[in-house]
Amino acid sequence: EGFGGAFTGAVSYNLGQLNPALRE
């Protein structure tokens, strides 16, 4: 059916600190 990863609170926090272009 496919593959994936986890979107935890740590992931969300780290993404929030990044430059938007890098995040995208």
PDB file of all heavy atoms in Angstrom:
ATOM      1  N   GLU A   1       0.799  -1.216   0.000  1.00  0.00           N
ATOM      2  CA  GLU A   1       0.000   0.000   0.000  1.00  0.00           C
ATOM      3  C   GLU A   1       0.837   1.273   0.000  1.00  0.00           C
ATOM      4  O   GLU A   1       0.336   2.340  -0.356  1.00  0.00           O
ATOM      5  CB  GLU A   1      -0.932   0.005   1.223  1.00  0.00           C
ATOM      6  CG  GLU A   1      -1.937  -1.135   1.242  1.00  0.00           C
ATOM      7  CD  GLU A   1      -2.921  -1.071   0.082  1.00  0.00           C
ATOM      8  OE1 GLU A   1      -3.267   0.047  -0.341  1.00  0.00           O
ATOM      9  OE2 GLU A   1      -3.329  -2.147  -0.404  1.00  0.00           O
ATOM     10  N   GLY A   2       2.109   1.194   0.421  1.00  0.00           N
ATOM     11  CA  GLY A   2       2.951   2.386   0.379  1.00  0.00           C
ATOM     12  C   GLY A   2       3.819   2.546   1.608  1.00  0.00           C
ATOM     13  O   GLY A   2       3.879   1.674   2.489  1.00  0.00           O
ATOM     14  N   PHE A   3       4.478   3.703   1.674  1.00  0.00           N
ATOM     15  CA  PHE A   3       5.485   3.996   2.683  1.00  0.00           C
ATOM     16  C   PHE A   3       5.214   5.381   3.277  1.00  0.00           C
ATOM     17  O   PHE A   3       4.444   6.166   2.725  1.00  0.00           O
ATOM     18  CB  PHE A   3       6.875   3.950   2.049  1.00  0.00           C
ATOM     19  CG  PHE A   3       7.194   2.622   1.423  1.00  0.00           C
ATOM     20  CD1 PHE A   3       6.715   2.293   0.156  1.00  0.00           C
ATOM     21  CD2 PHE A   3       7.943   1.678   2.106  1.00  0.00           C
ATOM     22  CE1 PHE A   3       6.988   1.056  -0.422  1.00  0.00           C
ATOM     23  CE2 PHE A   3       8.216   0.438   1.542  1.00  0.00           C
ATOM     24  CZ  PHE A   3       7.736   0.134   0.272  1.00  0.00           C
ATOM     25  N   GLY A   4       5.864   5.684   4.389  1.00  0.00           N
ATOM     26  CA  GLY A   4       5.618   6.994   4.996  1.00  0.00           C
ATOM     27  C   GLY A   4       6.500   7.245   6.193  1.00  0.00           C
ATOM     28  O   GLY A   4       7.442   6.505   6.494  1.00  0.00           O
ATOM     29  N   GLY A   5       6.184   8.323   6.915  1.00  0.00           N
ATOM     30  CA  GLY A   5       6.905   8.717   8.114  1.00  0.00           C
ATOM     31  C   GLY A   5       5.965   9.380   9.098  1.00  0.00           C
ATOM     32  O   GLY A   5       4.774   9.559   8.819  1.00  0.00           O
ATOM     33  N   ALA A   6       6.492   9.774  10.254  1.00  0.00           N
ATOM     34  CA  ALA A   6       5.667  10.304  11.339  1.00  0.00           C
ATOM     35  C   ALA A   6       5.837  11.807  11.491  1.00  0.00           C
ATOM     36  O   ALA A   6       6.945  12.336  11.424  1.00  0.00           O
ATOM     37  CB  ALA A   6       6.003   9.610  12.651  1.00  0.00           C
ATOM     38  N   PHE A   7       4.716  12.480  11.732  1.00  0.00           N
ATOM     39  CA  PHE A   7       4.663  13.931  11.932  1.00  0.00           C
ATOM     40  C   PHE A   7       4.402  14.182  13.411  1.00  0.00           C
ATOM     41  O   PHE A   7       3.275  14.394  13.857  1.00  0.00           O
ATOM     42  CB  PHE A   7       3.545  14.528  11.080  1.00  0.00           C
ATOM     43  CG  PHE A   7       3.760  15.966  10.685  1.00  0.00           C
ATOM     44  CD1 PHE A   7       4.179  16.301   9.414  1.00  0.00           C
ATOM     45  CD2 PHE A   7       3.525  16.987  11.595  1.00  0.00           C
ATOM     46  CE1 PHE A   7       4.367  17.618   9.036  1.00  0.00           C
ATOM     47  CE2 PHE A   7       3.711  18.314  11.247  1.00  0.00           C
ATOM     48  CZ  PHE A   7       4.139  18.631   9.955  1.00  0.00           C
ATOM     49  N   THR A   8       5.462  14.122  14.217  1.00  0.00           N
ATOM     50  CA  THR A   8       5.354  14.270  15.668  1.00  0.00           C
ATOM     51  C   THR A   8       5.424  15.741  16.070  1.00  0.00           C
ATOM     52  O   THR A   8       5.663  16.626  15.239  1.00  0.00           O
ATOM     53  CB  THR A   8       6.497  13.517  16.355  1.00  0.00           C
ATOM     54  OG1 THR A   8       7.738  14.126  15.952  1.00  0.00           O
ATOM     55  CG2 THR A   8       6.512  12.048  15.962  1.00  0.00           C
ATOM     56  N   GLY A   9       5.292  15.991  17.369  1.00  0.00           N
ATOM     57  CA  GLY A   9       5.463  17.346  17.869  1.00  0.00           C
ATOM     58  C   GLY A   9       6.864  17.870  17.610  1.00  0.00           C
ATOM     59  O   GLY A   9       7.053  19.063  17.336  1.00  0.00           O
ATOM     60  N   ALA A  10       7.877  16.999  17.712  1.00  0.00           N
ATOM     61  CA  ALA A  10       9.247  17.404  17.432  1.00  0.00           C
ATOM     62  C   ALA A  10       9.411  17.806  15.974  1.00  0.00           C
ATOM     63  O   ALA A  10      10.083  18.801  15.661  1.00  0.00           O
ATOM     64  CB  ALA A  10      10.210  16.273  17.778  1.00  0.00           C
ATOM     65  N   VAL A  11       8.809  17.037  15.074  1.00  0.00           N
ATOM     66  CA  VAL A  11       8.859  17.372  13.648  1.00  0.00           C
ATOM     67  C   VAL A  11       8.212  18.728  13.416  1.00  0.00           C
ATOM     68  O   VAL A  11       8.760  19.601  12.722  1.00  0.00           O
ATOM     69  CB  VAL A  11       8.166  16.279  12.819  1.00  0.00           C
ATOM     70  CG1 VAL A  11       8.002  16.721  11.360  1.00  0.00           C
ATOM     71  CG2 VAL A  11       8.951  14.977  12.885  1.00  0.00           C
ATOM     72  N   SER A  12       7.049  18.927  13.997  1.00  0.00           N
ATOM     73  CA  SER A  12       6.330  20.194  13.834  1.00  0.00           C
ATOM     74  C   SER A  12       7.151  21.362  14.364  1.00  0.00           C
ATOM     75  O   SER A  12       7.250  22.420  13.717  1.00  0.00           O
ATOM     76  CB  SER A  12       4.985  20.121  14.560  1.00  0.00           C
ATOM     77  OG  SER A  12       4.275  21.338  14.467  1.00  0.00           O
ATOM     78  N   TYR A  13       7.756  21.189  15.536  1.00  0.00           N
ATOM     79  CA  TYR A  13       8.579  22.261  16.110  1.00  0.00           C
ATOM     80  C   TYR A  13       9.753  22.597  15.204  1.00  0.00           C
ATOM     81  O   TYR A  13      10.033  23.771  14.919  1.00  0.00           O
ATOM     82  CB  TYR A  13       9.074  21.846  17.499  1.00  0.00           C
ATOM     83  CG  TYR A  13      10.063  22.823  18.086  1.00  0.00           C
ATOM     84  CD1 TYR A  13       9.628  23.988  18.723  1.00  0.00           C
ATOM     85  CD2 TYR A  13      11.432  22.599  17.984  1.00  0.00           C
ATOM     86  CE1 TYR A  13      10.543  24.900  19.245  1.00  0.00           C
ATOM     87  CE2 TYR A  13      12.348  23.498  18.502  1.00  0.00           C
ATOM     88  CZ  TYR A  13      11.885  24.650  19.129  1.00  0.00           C
ATOM     89  OH  TYR A  13      12.802  25.554  19.632  1.00  0.00           O
ATOM     90  N   ASN A  14      10.479  21.571  14.762  1.00  0.00           N
ATOM     91  CA  ASN A  14      11.640  21.808  13.911  1.00  0.00           C
ATOM     92  C   ASN A  14      11.253  22.490  12.598  1.00  0.00           C
ATOM     93  O   ASN A  14      11.937  23.416  12.145  1.00  0.00           O
ATOM     94  CB  ASN A  14      12.354  20.490  13.625  1.00  0.00           C
ATOM     95  CG  ASN A  14      13.092  19.939  14.829  1.00  0.00           C
ATOM     96  OD1 ASN A  14      13.553  20.697  15.684  1.00  0.00           O
ATOM     97  ND2 ASN A  14      13.192  18.627  14.923  1.00  0.00           N
ATOM     98  N   LEU A  15      10.167  22.042  11.997  1.00  0.00           N
ATOM     99  CA  LEU A  15       9.707  22.664  10.748  1.00  0.00           C
ATOM    100  C   LEU A  15       9.395  24.134  10.963  1.00  0.00           C
ATOM    101  O   LEU A  15       9.664  24.978  10.099  1.00  0.00           O
ATOM    102  CB  LEU A  15       8.482  21.930  10.219  1.00  0.00           C
ATOM    103  CG  LEU A  15       8.726  20.565   9.586  1.00  0.00           C
ATOM    104  CD1 LEU A  15       7.400  19.851   9.350  1.00  0.00           C
ATOM    105  CD2 LEU A  15       9.488  20.689   8.268  1.00  0.00           C
ATOM    106  N   GLY A  16       8.815  24.446  12.110  1.00  0.00           N
ATOM    107  CA  GLY A  16       8.434  25.824  12.395  1.00  0.00           C
ATOM    108  C   GLY A  16       9.602  26.781  12.520  1.00  0.00           C
ATOM    109  O   GLY A  16       9.420  28.000  12.403  1.00  0.00           O
ATOM    110  N   GLN A  17      10.811  26.260  12.764  1.00  0.00           N
ATOM    111  CA  GLN A  17      11.995  27.109  12.900  1.00  0.00           C
ATOM    112  C   GLN A  17      12.695  27.365  11.565  1.00  0.00           C
ATOM    113  O   GLN A  17      13.560  28.239  11.481  1.00  0.00           O
ATOM    114  CB  GLN A  17      13.008  26.464  13.853  1.00  0.00           C
ATOM    115  CG  GLN A  17      12.448  25.972  15.175  1.00  0.00           C
ATOM    116  CD  GLN A  17      11.669  27.032  15.915  1.00  0.00           C
ATOM    117  OE1 GLN A  17      12.160  28.131  16.152  1.00  0.00           O
ATOM    118  NE2 GLN A  17      10.437  26.703  16.277  1.00  0.00           N
ATOM    119  N   LEU A  18      12.329  26.605  10.541  1.00  0.00           N
ATOM    120  CA  LEU A  18      13.077  26.652   9.286  1.00  0.00           C
ATOM    121  C   LEU A  18      12.634  27.795   8.381  1.00  0.00           C
ATOM    122  O   LEU A  18      11.487  28.250   8.432  1.00  0.00           O
ATOM    123  CB  LEU A  18      12.914  25.329   8.529  1.00  0.00           C
ATOM    124  CG  LEU A  18      13.443  24.067   9.198  1.00  0.00           C
ATOM    125  CD1 LEU A  18      13.180  22.861   8.306  1.00  0.00           C
ATOM    126  CD2 LEU A  18      14.933  24.194   9.507  1.00  0.00           C
ATOM    127  N   ASN A  19      13.555  28.223   7.527  1.00  0.00           N
ATOM    128  CA  ASN A  19      13.202  29.119   6.436  1.00  0.00           C
ATOM    129  C   ASN A  19      12.087  28.467   5.619  1.00  0.00           C
ATOM    130  O   ASN A  19      12.155  27.279   5.290  1.00  0.00           O
ATOM    131  CB  ASN A  19      14.449  29.337   5.571  1.00  0.00           C
ATOM    132  CG  ASN A  19      14.201  30.260   4.398  1.00  0.00           C
ATOM    133  OD1 ASN A  19      13.453  29.924   3.481  1.00  0.00           O
ATOM    134  ND2 ASN A  19      14.846  31.405   4.398  1.00  0.00           N
ATOM    135  N   PRO A  20      11.018  29.203   5.276  1.00  0.00           N
ATOM    136  CA  PRO A  20       9.897  28.597   4.549  1.00  0.00           C
ATOM    137  C   PRO A  20      10.300  27.880   3.270  1.00  0.00           C
ATOM    138  O   PRO A  20       9.734  26.837   2.937  1.00  0.00           O
ATOM    139  CB  PRO A  20       8.989  29.789   4.263  1.00  0.00           C
ATOM    140  CG  PRO A  20       9.280  30.757   5.366  1.00  0.00           C
ATOM    141  CD  PRO A  20      10.744  30.600   5.646  1.00  0.00           C
ATOM    142  N   ALA A  21      11.290  28.417   2.552  1.00  0.00           N
ATOM    143  CA  ALA A  21      11.714  27.778   1.306  1.00  0.00           C
ATOM    144  C   ALA A  21      12.366  26.423   1.585  1.00  0.00           C
ATOM    145  O   ALA A  21      12.135  25.448   0.846  1.00  0.00           O
ATOM    146  CB  ALA A  21      12.675  28.687   0.551  1.00  0.00           C
ATOM    147  N   LEU A  22      13.161  26.335   2.645  1.00  0.00           N
ATOM    148  CA  LEU A  22      13.759  25.058   3.010  1.00  0.00           C
ATOM    149  C   LEU A  22      12.690  24.083   3.476  1.00  0.00           C
ATOM    150  O   LEU A  22      12.713  22.898   3.122  1.00  0.00           O
ATOM    151  CB  LEU A  22      14.806  25.274   4.106  1.00  0.00           C
ATOM    152  CG  LEU A  22      15.443  24.009   4.704  1.00  0.00           C
ATOM    153  CD1 LEU A  22      16.075  23.146   3.628  1.00  0.00           C
ATOM    154  CD2 LEU A  22      16.467  24.387   5.773  1.00  0.00           C
ATOM    155  N   ARG A  23      11.759  24.569   4.260  1.00  0.00           N
ATOM    156  CA  ARG A  23      10.663  23.715   4.729  1.00  0.00           C
ATOM    157  C   ARG A  23       9.908  23.115   3.547  1.00  0.00           C
ATOM    158  O   ARG A  23       9.598  21.911   3.520  1.00  0.00           O
ATOM    159  CB  ARG A  23       9.725  24.532   5.618  1.00  0.00           C
ATOM    160  CG  ARG A  23       8.586  23.705   6.206  1.00  0.00           C
ATOM    161  CD  ARG A  23       7.863  24.459   7.299  1.00  0.00           C
ATOM    162  NE  ARG A  23       7.230  25.685   6.835  1.00  0.00           N
ATOM    163  CZ  ARG A  23       7.555  26.901   7.249  1.00  0.00           C
ATOM    164  NH1 ARG A  23       8.525  27.074   8.133  1.00  0.00           N
ATOM    165  NH2 ARG A  23       6.915  27.969   6.794  1.00  0.00           N
ATOM    166  N   GLU A  24       9.612  23.929   2.540  1.00  0.00           N
ATOM    167  CA  GLU A  24       8.892  23.424   1.380  1.00  0.00           C
ATOM    168  C   GLU A  24       9.718  22.390   0.618  1.00  0.00           C
ATOM    169  O   GLU A  24       9.173  21.398   0.106  1.00  0.00           O
ATOM    170  CB  GLU A  24       8.500  24.584   0.457  1.00  0.00           C
ATOM    171  CG  GLU A  24       7.425  25.481   1.049  1.00  0.00           C
ATOM    172  CD  GLU A  24       6.910  26.512   0.065  1.00  0.00           C
ATOM    173  OE1 GLU A  24       7.289  26.444  -1.133  1.00  0.00           O
ATOM    174  OE2 GLU A  24       6.104  27.369   0.460  1.00  0.00           O
TER     175      GLU A  24
END
